[in-house]
Amino acid sequence: MRYYIIAGEASGDLHAANLMKALKQTDQEADFRFWGGDLMQQQGGTLVKHYKELAFMGFSEVIMNLRTIFRNISFCKKDITEYRPDVIIFIDYPGFNMRIAEWAKKEGFRTHYYISPQIWAWKENRIKKIKRDIDKMFVILPFEKDFYTEKHDYPVHFVGHPLLDAIDNRPPIDIESFKRDHGLDSRPVIALLPGSRKQEIEKMLEVMLSITSDFRDYQFVIAGAPSQDEKFYKTFMKNSNIKLIMNKTYDILGISFAALVTSGTATLETALFKVPEVVCYKGSYISYHIARRIVKLDYISLVNLIMEREVVKELIQNDFNTKNLKAELKKILDEKNRKRIFSDYFELEQKLGGKGASKKTAGLIVKEIAG
């Protein structure tokens, strides 16, 4: 069967690649055409556009790039029409994907959504379009099933979180060899995850790096995103207590004692690696104040949202500064606090529903297509 998959970000590339792998195991004749990244490309098929060309962050940047966005939408519709897939699979990325879904449904294409848009956080009125335009929804967070089925009378499949598989399936590393190859010494590692988009890295990394000289008993490692160039990070690195390792985030988390993490999927990844963390976020003045008025959540990190209480500290906007970050990092280096965090992380993993999300989703998709 023919699968057209649209993922617009690095996290979507990871989850879509694992889904493609599972689809190939379930459907021996699987053929893929997709918008995504390097991980999806490794699974075979045809890459139409890389997510690096699609990442626009914040309200102001989206407005500035509307012409490009609309051009991409038109091109995507044309490409789908020519490919004639058996199913279109949308991976998060709602601003783009919901526009394509509306058109695709009218054109008679089968529409499946894997990893729901976060309409429980904002734009809840999108439920009307989801009900109208999406044939099947596969959700990965435990509270999403209740949100859809109980609150909005829209049946969905809770398949568990694919990060459990992604982390479990990663190849093992030799810790000592990894440290030696990347110039690391015997001190404990504190990971810095400043995000994947250039705009957020510029806002996050300078503050993260401002505290490194105060923790000489530790070494700091920046997890460089695959979407960025190494030279870009080095413009921020003025302290000898800092290393940069590109495109090895999971390996870095696997050897880390603590982490400073920009809000997003990385907060959950860090927790699943059992690394105590401080969650950080700072957006543009305009974007932040717009978001404050429309987002209806008590927390911004997935860890706290899933647990429905504060497990990890969140430093947001003006609270994200050198003084606060230094104080919060000291707390998660303390053994007493770490024991509490590890206990909460164990509970978090139980709530995520176990391994096998990609396999479950692939089986449901193929079964539905085969009819």
Protein backbone atom coordinates (compact mmCIF):
# COMPACT_ATOMS: atom_id res chain seq x y z
CA MET A 1 0.00 0.00 0.00
CA ARG A 2 0.98 3.62 -0.53
CA TYR A 3 1.54 5.88 2.48
CA TYR A 4 1.89 9.65 2.32
CA ILE A 5 3.32 10.95 5.62
CA ILE A 6 3.73 14.58 6.72
CA ALA A 7 6.04 15.43 9.64
CA GLY A 8 7.23 19.02 10.05
CA GLU A 9 9.68 18.86 12.95
CA ALA A 10 12.60 16.83 14.34
CA SER A 11 10.42 15.01 16.90
CA GLY A 12 7.92 14.15 14.16
CA ASP A 13 10.75 12.79 12.02
CA LEU A 14 11.73 10.42 14.85
CA HIS A 15 8.21 9.12 15.49
CA ALA A 16 7.32 8.88 11.82
CA ALA A 17 10.53 6.91 11.11
CA ASN A 18 9.62 4.38 13.81
CA LEU A 19 6.09 4.15 12.43
CA MET A 20 7.46 3.55 8.93
CA LYS A 21 9.66 0.76 10.27
CA ALA A 22 6.62 -0.86 11.90
CA LEU A 23 4.51 -0.41 8.77
CA LYS A 24 7.13 -2.22 6.69
CA GLN A 25 6.97 -5.14 9.11
CA THR A 26 3.17 -5.22 8.90
CA ASP A 27 2.82 -4.46 5.17
CA GLN A 28 5.49 -6.05 2.99
CA GLU A 29 4.40 -3.91 0.01
CA ALA A 30 4.58 -0.58 1.86
CA ASP A 31 5.62 2.37 -0.32
CA PHE A 32 6.32 5.77 1.24
CA ARG A 33 6.32 9.35 0.09
CA PHE A 34 6.85 11.91 2.84
CA TRP A 35 7.68 15.30 4.26
CA GLY A 36 10.15 14.78 7.11
CA GLY A 37 13.83 14.33 7.81
CA ASP A 38 16.90 12.15 7.79
CA LEU A 39 15.49 9.42 10.05
CA MET A 40 12.48 8.92 7.79
CA GLN A 41 14.76 8.91 4.76
CA GLN A 42 16.72 6.04 6.30
CA GLN A 43 13.53 3.93 6.20
CA GLY A 44 13.28 4.28 2.43
CA GLY A 45 10.74 5.91 0.14
CA THR A 46 10.82 9.40 -1.33
CA LEU A 47 11.55 12.55 0.69
CA VAL A 48 9.53 15.42 -0.78
CA LYS A 49 10.59 18.23 1.57
CA HIS A 50 12.86 18.31 4.60
CA TYR A 51 11.45 19.70 7.84
CA LYS A 52 14.34 22.20 7.95
CA GLU A 53 12.48 24.08 5.21
CA LEU A 54 9.25 24.14 7.23
CA ALA A 55 10.20 25.21 10.77
CA PHE A 56 8.72 28.63 11.56
CA MET A 57 8.58 29.42 15.27
CA GLY A 58 6.20 31.83 16.98
CA PHE A 59 3.32 33.98 15.78
CA SER A 60 5.44 36.75 14.26
CA GLU A 61 7.66 34.41 12.23
CA VAL A 62 4.66 32.54 10.83
CA ILE A 63 3.13 35.81 9.66
CA MET A 64 6.41 36.86 8.02
CA ASN A 65 6.57 33.56 6.10
CA LEU A 66 2.94 33.20 5.04
CA ARG A 67 3.79 33.28 1.34
CA THR A 68 6.19 30.35 1.71
CA ILE A 69 3.70 28.42 3.86
CA PHE A 70 0.88 28.82 1.33
CA ARG A 71 3.22 27.84 -1.50
CA ASN A 72 4.12 24.66 0.40
CA ILE A 73 0.45 23.85 0.99
CA SER A 74 -0.34 24.17 -2.73
CA PHE A 75 2.64 22.04 -3.66
CA CYS A 76 1.67 19.36 -1.10
CA LYS A 77 -1.87 19.07 -2.49
CA LYS A 78 -0.53 18.66 -6.01
CA ASP A 79 2.00 16.06 -4.88
CA ILE A 80 -0.63 14.01 -3.04
CA THR A 81 -2.94 14.12 -6.06
CA GLU A 82 -0.20 12.75 -8.30
CA TYR A 83 0.87 10.05 -5.81
CA ARG A 84 -2.68 8.82 -4.99
CA PRO A 85 -1.86 7.25 -1.58
CA ASP A 86 -4.04 4.68 0.17
CA VAL A 87 -3.78 6.81 3.31
CA ILE A 88 -2.34 10.15 4.41
CA ILE A 89 -0.74 10.02 7.86
CA PHE A 90 -0.33 13.35 9.64
CA ILE A 91 2.29 13.61 12.41
CA ASP A 92 1.49 16.52 14.78
CA TYR A 93 2.42 19.83 12.96
CA PRO A 94 -1.22 21.04 13.04
CA GLY A 95 -1.04 24.45 11.36
CA PHE A 96 0.01 22.81 8.10
CA ASN A 97 -1.50 19.36 8.49
CA MET A 98 -5.03 20.45 9.33
CA ARG A 99 -5.18 22.52 6.15
CA ILE A 100 -4.10 19.53 4.10
CA ALA A 101 -6.54 17.25 5.95
CA GLU A 102 -9.51 19.49 5.15
CA TRP A 103 -8.66 19.39 1.45
CA ALA A 104 -7.76 15.67 1.46
CA LYS A 105 -11.04 14.63 3.07
CA LYS A 106 -13.02 16.50 0.42
CA GLU A 107 -10.93 14.82 -2.28
CA GLY A 108 -11.77 11.40 -0.90
CA PHE A 109 -8.41 10.45 0.62
CA ARG A 110 -8.26 8.40 3.81
CA THR A 111 -6.90 10.59 6.64
CA HIS A 112 -5.16 9.31 9.77
CA TYR A 113 -3.52 11.44 12.49
CA TYR A 114 -0.71 10.04 14.64
CA ILE A 115 0.29 12.24 17.60
CA SER A 116 -2.58 14.61 18.15
CA PRO A 117 -2.34 18.39 17.84
CA GLN A 118 -2.30 19.83 21.35
CA ILE A 119 -5.83 21.17 21.12
CA TRP A 120 -6.24 20.45 24.84
CA ALA A 121 -3.79 23.33 25.38
CA TRP A 122 -5.14 25.86 22.93
CA LYS A 123 -7.39 26.10 19.89
CA GLU A 124 -9.82 23.58 21.35
CA ASN A 125 -12.29 24.59 18.66
CA ARG A 126 -10.13 22.57 16.25
CA ILE A 127 -12.07 19.54 17.49
CA LYS A 128 -14.78 20.41 14.96
CA LYS A 129 -12.32 20.16 12.08
CA ILE A 130 -10.74 17.01 13.47
CA LYS A 131 -14.14 15.32 13.71
CA ARG A 132 -14.93 16.42 10.17
CA ASP A 133 -11.58 15.79 8.45
CA ILE A 134 -9.77 12.97 10.32
CA ASP A 135 -10.91 9.37 9.91
CA LYS A 136 -8.71 7.91 12.66
CA MET A 137 -6.80 9.58 15.50
CA PHE A 138 -3.99 7.81 17.39
CA VAL A 139 -3.05 9.57 20.64
CA ILE A 140 0.08 9.09 22.75
CA LEU A 141 -0.71 10.86 26.04
CA PRO A 142 -3.00 9.19 28.58
CA PHE A 143 -5.18 12.25 29.24
CA GLU A 144 -5.82 12.77 25.51
CA LYS A 145 -8.16 9.78 25.26
CA ASP A 146 -10.46 11.20 27.95
CA PHE A 147 -10.26 14.63 26.36
CA TYR A 148 -11.46 13.31 23.00
CA THR A 149 -13.83 10.52 24.00
CA GLU A 150 -15.38 11.87 27.19
CA LYS A 151 -15.36 15.59 26.58
CA HIS A 152 -15.89 15.67 22.81
CA ASP A 153 -17.48 12.29 21.96
CA TYR A 154 -14.83 11.50 19.36
CA PRO A 155 -13.38 7.96 19.65
CA VAL A 156 -9.59 7.74 19.46
CA HIS A 157 -6.95 5.04 19.96
CA PHE A 158 -4.49 5.46 22.86
CA VAL A 159 -1.40 3.61 21.63
CA GLY A 160 1.17 4.58 24.29
CA HIS A 161 4.08 6.94 23.84
CA PRO A 162 6.56 6.19 21.02
CA LEU A 163 9.46 7.67 23.00
CA LEU A 164 9.46 4.53 25.12
CA ASP A 165 10.31 2.53 22.00
CA ALA A 166 12.72 5.10 20.60
CA ILE A 167 14.74 5.09 23.81
CA ASP A 168 14.55 1.34 24.35
CA ASN A 169 15.60 0.58 20.76
CA ARG A 170 18.60 2.91 20.64
CA PRO A 171 21.93 1.14 20.14
CA PRO A 172 23.98 0.81 23.34
CA ILE A 173 27.10 2.95 23.73
CA ASP A 174 30.37 2.38 25.51
CA ILE A 175 30.34 5.27 27.99
CA GLU A 176 34.08 5.49 28.45
CA SER A 177 34.73 5.39 24.70
CA PHE A 178 32.04 8.00 24.08
CA LYS A 179 33.56 10.36 26.66
CA ARG A 180 37.06 9.83 25.29
CA ASP A 181 35.98 10.35 21.67
CA HIS A 182 34.29 13.65 22.55
CA GLY A 183 36.95 15.06 24.86
CA LEU A 184 35.02 14.60 28.09
CA ASP A 185 36.72 13.98 31.44
CA SER A 186 35.61 12.11 34.55
CA ARG A 187 33.41 14.89 36.00
CA PRO A 188 29.61 14.39 35.99
CA VAL A 189 27.90 15.73 32.85
CA ILE A 190 25.20 18.39 32.83
CA ALA A 191 23.38 18.37 29.49
CA LEU A 192 22.18 21.57 27.85
CA LEU A 193 19.24 21.08 25.47
CA PRO A 194 18.45 24.56 24.09
CA GLY A 195 15.96 23.42 21.45
CA SER A 196 16.17 22.75 17.74
CA ARG A 197 15.14 26.02 16.09
CA LYS A 198 17.62 28.85 15.66
CA GLN A 199 15.34 31.42 17.29
CA GLU A 200 14.81 29.44 20.47
CA ILE A 201 18.47 28.44 20.73
CA GLU A 202 19.47 32.11 20.56
CA LYS A 203 17.07 32.91 23.41
CA MET A 204 17.89 29.90 25.58
CA LEU A 205 21.58 29.09 25.23
CA GLU A 206 23.10 32.36 26.42
CA VAL A 207 21.31 32.12 29.79
CA MET A 208 22.09 28.41 30.13
CA LEU A 209 25.78 29.06 29.53
CA SER A 210 25.85 31.98 31.96
CA ILE A 211 25.97 29.62 34.96
CA THR A 212 28.65 27.17 33.78
CA SER A 213 31.57 28.90 35.51
CA ASP A 214 29.78 28.43 38.87
CA PHE A 215 29.80 24.62 38.60
CA ARG A 216 33.43 23.70 38.05
CA ASP A 217 32.96 20.23 39.52
CA TYR A 218 30.75 19.41 36.51
CA GLN A 219 31.21 19.57 32.75
CA PHE A 220 28.51 21.00 30.49
CA VAL A 221 27.63 19.45 27.13
CA ILE A 222 25.45 21.18 24.55
CA ALA A 223 23.30 18.74 22.60
CA GLY A 224 23.52 20.15 19.07
CA ALA A 225 20.38 19.69 16.98
CA PRO A 226 20.65 18.08 13.52
CA SER A 227 18.82 21.06 12.04
CA GLN A 228 21.63 23.47 12.95
CA ASP A 229 25.25 24.02 11.97
CA GLU A 230 28.10 23.48 14.42
CA LYS A 231 29.47 26.97 13.75
CA PHE A 232 26.22 28.51 14.98
CA TYR A 233 26.64 27.01 18.46
CA LYS A 234 30.29 27.96 18.74
CA THR A 235 29.45 31.66 18.61
CA PHE A 236 27.98 31.23 22.13
CA MET A 237 30.82 29.14 23.61
CA LYS A 238 33.26 31.34 25.51
CA ASN A 239 33.91 29.08 28.51
CA SER A 240 36.32 26.14 28.58
CA ASN A 241 33.89 24.19 30.78
CA ILE A 242 31.62 23.56 27.77
CA LYS A 243 31.62 20.92 25.05
CA LEU A 244 29.43 20.67 21.95
CA ILE A 245 28.32 17.28 20.60
CA MET A 246 26.19 17.33 17.46
CA ASN A 247 23.22 15.08 16.78
CA LYS A 248 23.80 12.75 19.76
CA THR A 249 21.11 13.88 22.19
CA TYR A 250 20.17 10.41 23.43
CA ASP A 251 23.79 9.43 23.97
CA ILE A 252 24.36 12.65 25.93
CA LEU A 253 21.29 12.06 28.10
CA GLY A 254 22.48 8.49 28.65
CA ILE A 255 25.61 9.75 30.42
CA SER A 256 24.14 12.86 32.10
CA PHE A 257 23.78 13.61 35.80
CA ALA A 258 21.39 16.54 35.29
CA ALA A 259 20.01 18.67 32.43
CA LEU A 260 18.74 22.13 31.52
CA VAL A 261 16.06 21.63 28.91
CA THR A 262 14.02 23.90 26.66
CA SER A 263 10.30 23.14 26.91
CA GLY A 264 9.06 20.61 24.36
CA THR A 265 9.39 16.90 23.66
CA ALA A 266 12.92 16.98 25.12
CA THR A 267 11.50 17.44 28.63
CA LEU A 268 9.82 14.04 28.39
CA GLU A 269 12.85 12.42 26.75
CA THR A 270 15.05 13.66 29.59
CA ALA A 271 12.66 12.27 32.20
CA LEU A 272 12.54 8.87 30.49
CA PHE A 273 16.35 8.77 30.65
CA LYS A 274 15.91 9.36 34.41
CA VAL A 275 17.88 12.61 34.33
CA PRO A 276 16.79 15.32 36.82
CA GLU A 277 16.07 18.51 34.88
CA VAL A 278 15.14 22.16 35.00
CA VAL A 279 12.67 23.10 32.24
CA CYS A 280 13.28 26.47 30.58
CA TYR A 281 11.33 28.62 28.15
CA LYS A 282 11.60 32.13 26.77
CA GLY A 283 9.79 33.40 23.69
CA SER A 284 9.56 36.78 22.01
CA TYR A 285 7.65 39.40 23.98
CA ILE A 286 4.74 39.38 21.52
CA SER A 287 4.52 35.60 21.16
CA TYR A 288 4.69 35.02 24.91
CA HIS A 289 1.94 37.49 25.78
CA ILE A 290 -0.32 36.18 23.04
CA ALA A 291 0.27 32.63 24.29
CA ARG A 292 -0.52 33.62 27.89
CA ARG A 293 -3.96 34.75 26.80
CA ILE A 294 -4.88 31.66 24.80
CA VAL A 295 -3.09 28.69 26.39
CA LYS A 296 -5.14 27.10 29.18
CA LEU A 297 -2.56 24.99 31.00
CA ASP A 298 -1.07 25.02 34.48
CA TYR A 299 2.28 23.73 33.17
CA ILE A 300 4.31 23.85 29.96
CA SER A 301 6.38 20.66 30.28
CA LEU A 302 4.98 17.29 29.25
CA VAL A 303 6.33 15.76 32.44
CA ASN A 304 4.20 17.98 34.68
CA LEU A 305 1.19 17.86 32.36
CA ILE A 306 1.10 14.06 32.38
CA MET A 307 1.65 13.87 36.14
CA GLU A 308 -0.82 16.73 36.78
CA ARG A 309 1.54 18.26 39.35
CA GLU A 310 4.99 19.85 39.52
CA VAL A 311 7.60 17.14 39.16
CA VAL A 312 10.22 19.30 37.44
CA LYS A 313 10.78 23.02 37.95
CA GLU A 314 9.70 25.31 35.09
CA LEU A 315 11.43 28.66 34.56
CA ILE A 316 9.33 30.65 32.11
CA GLN A 317 10.03 33.98 30.39
CA ASN A 318 11.31 36.52 32.98
CA ASP A 319 11.81 33.77 35.58
CA PHE A 320 14.33 32.19 33.22
CA ASN A 321 17.42 34.10 34.28
CA THR A 322 20.91 33.37 35.59
CA LYS A 323 20.05 33.70 39.28
CA ASN A 324 17.03 31.38 39.19
CA LEU A 325 18.66 28.85 36.90
CA LYS A 326 21.71 28.59 39.16
CA ALA A 327 19.50 28.06 42.23
CA GLU A 328 17.32 25.41 40.58
CA LEU A 329 20.28 23.50 39.20
CA LYS A 330 21.78 23.32 42.70
CA LYS A 331 18.53 21.78 43.93
CA ILE A 332 18.49 18.93 41.42
CA LEU A 333 22.14 18.14 42.18
CA ASP A 334 21.16 17.47 45.81
CA GLU A 335 20.74 13.75 46.56
CA LYS A 336 17.54 14.14 48.58
CA ASN A 337 15.76 15.97 45.75
CA ARG A 338 17.05 13.49 43.20
CA LYS A 339 15.48 10.53 45.02
CA ARG A 340 12.09 12.22 44.89
CA ILE A 341 12.51 13.00 41.17
CA PHE A 342 13.48 9.41 40.33
CA SER A 343 10.37 8.12 42.11
CA ASP A 344 8.19 10.52 40.14
CA TYR A 345 9.87 9.52 36.88
CA PHE A 346 9.06 5.86 37.55
CA GLU A 347 5.39 6.75 38.06
CA LEU A 348 5.46 8.84 34.87
CA GLU A 349 6.68 5.90 32.82
CA GLN A 350 3.86 3.70 34.12
CA LYS A 351 1.31 6.30 33.02
CA LEU A 352 2.60 6.30 29.46
CA GLY A 353 1.14 2.89 28.69
CA GLY A 354 4.13 0.70 27.94
CA LYS A 355 6.14 0.00 24.82
CA GLY A 356 4.94 -0.81 21.32
CA ALA A 357 3.24 2.44 20.22
CA SER A 358 4.59 2.29 16.66
CA LYS A 359 3.67 -1.38 16.23
CA LYS A 360 0.15 -0.85 17.60
CA THR A 361 -0.43 2.16 15.36
CA ALA A 362 0.89 0.42 12.25
CA GLY A 363 -1.35 -2.57 12.89
CA LEU A 364 -4.45 -0.37 13.31
CA ILE A 365 -3.65 1.62 10.15
CA VAL A 366 -3.10 -1.45 7.96
CA LYS A 367 -6.18 -3.17 9.36
CA GLU A 368 -8.35 -0.13 8.61
CA ILE A 369 -7.03 0.21 5.06
CA ALA A 370 -7.46 -3.50 4.34
CA GLY A 371 -11.01 -3.09 5.55
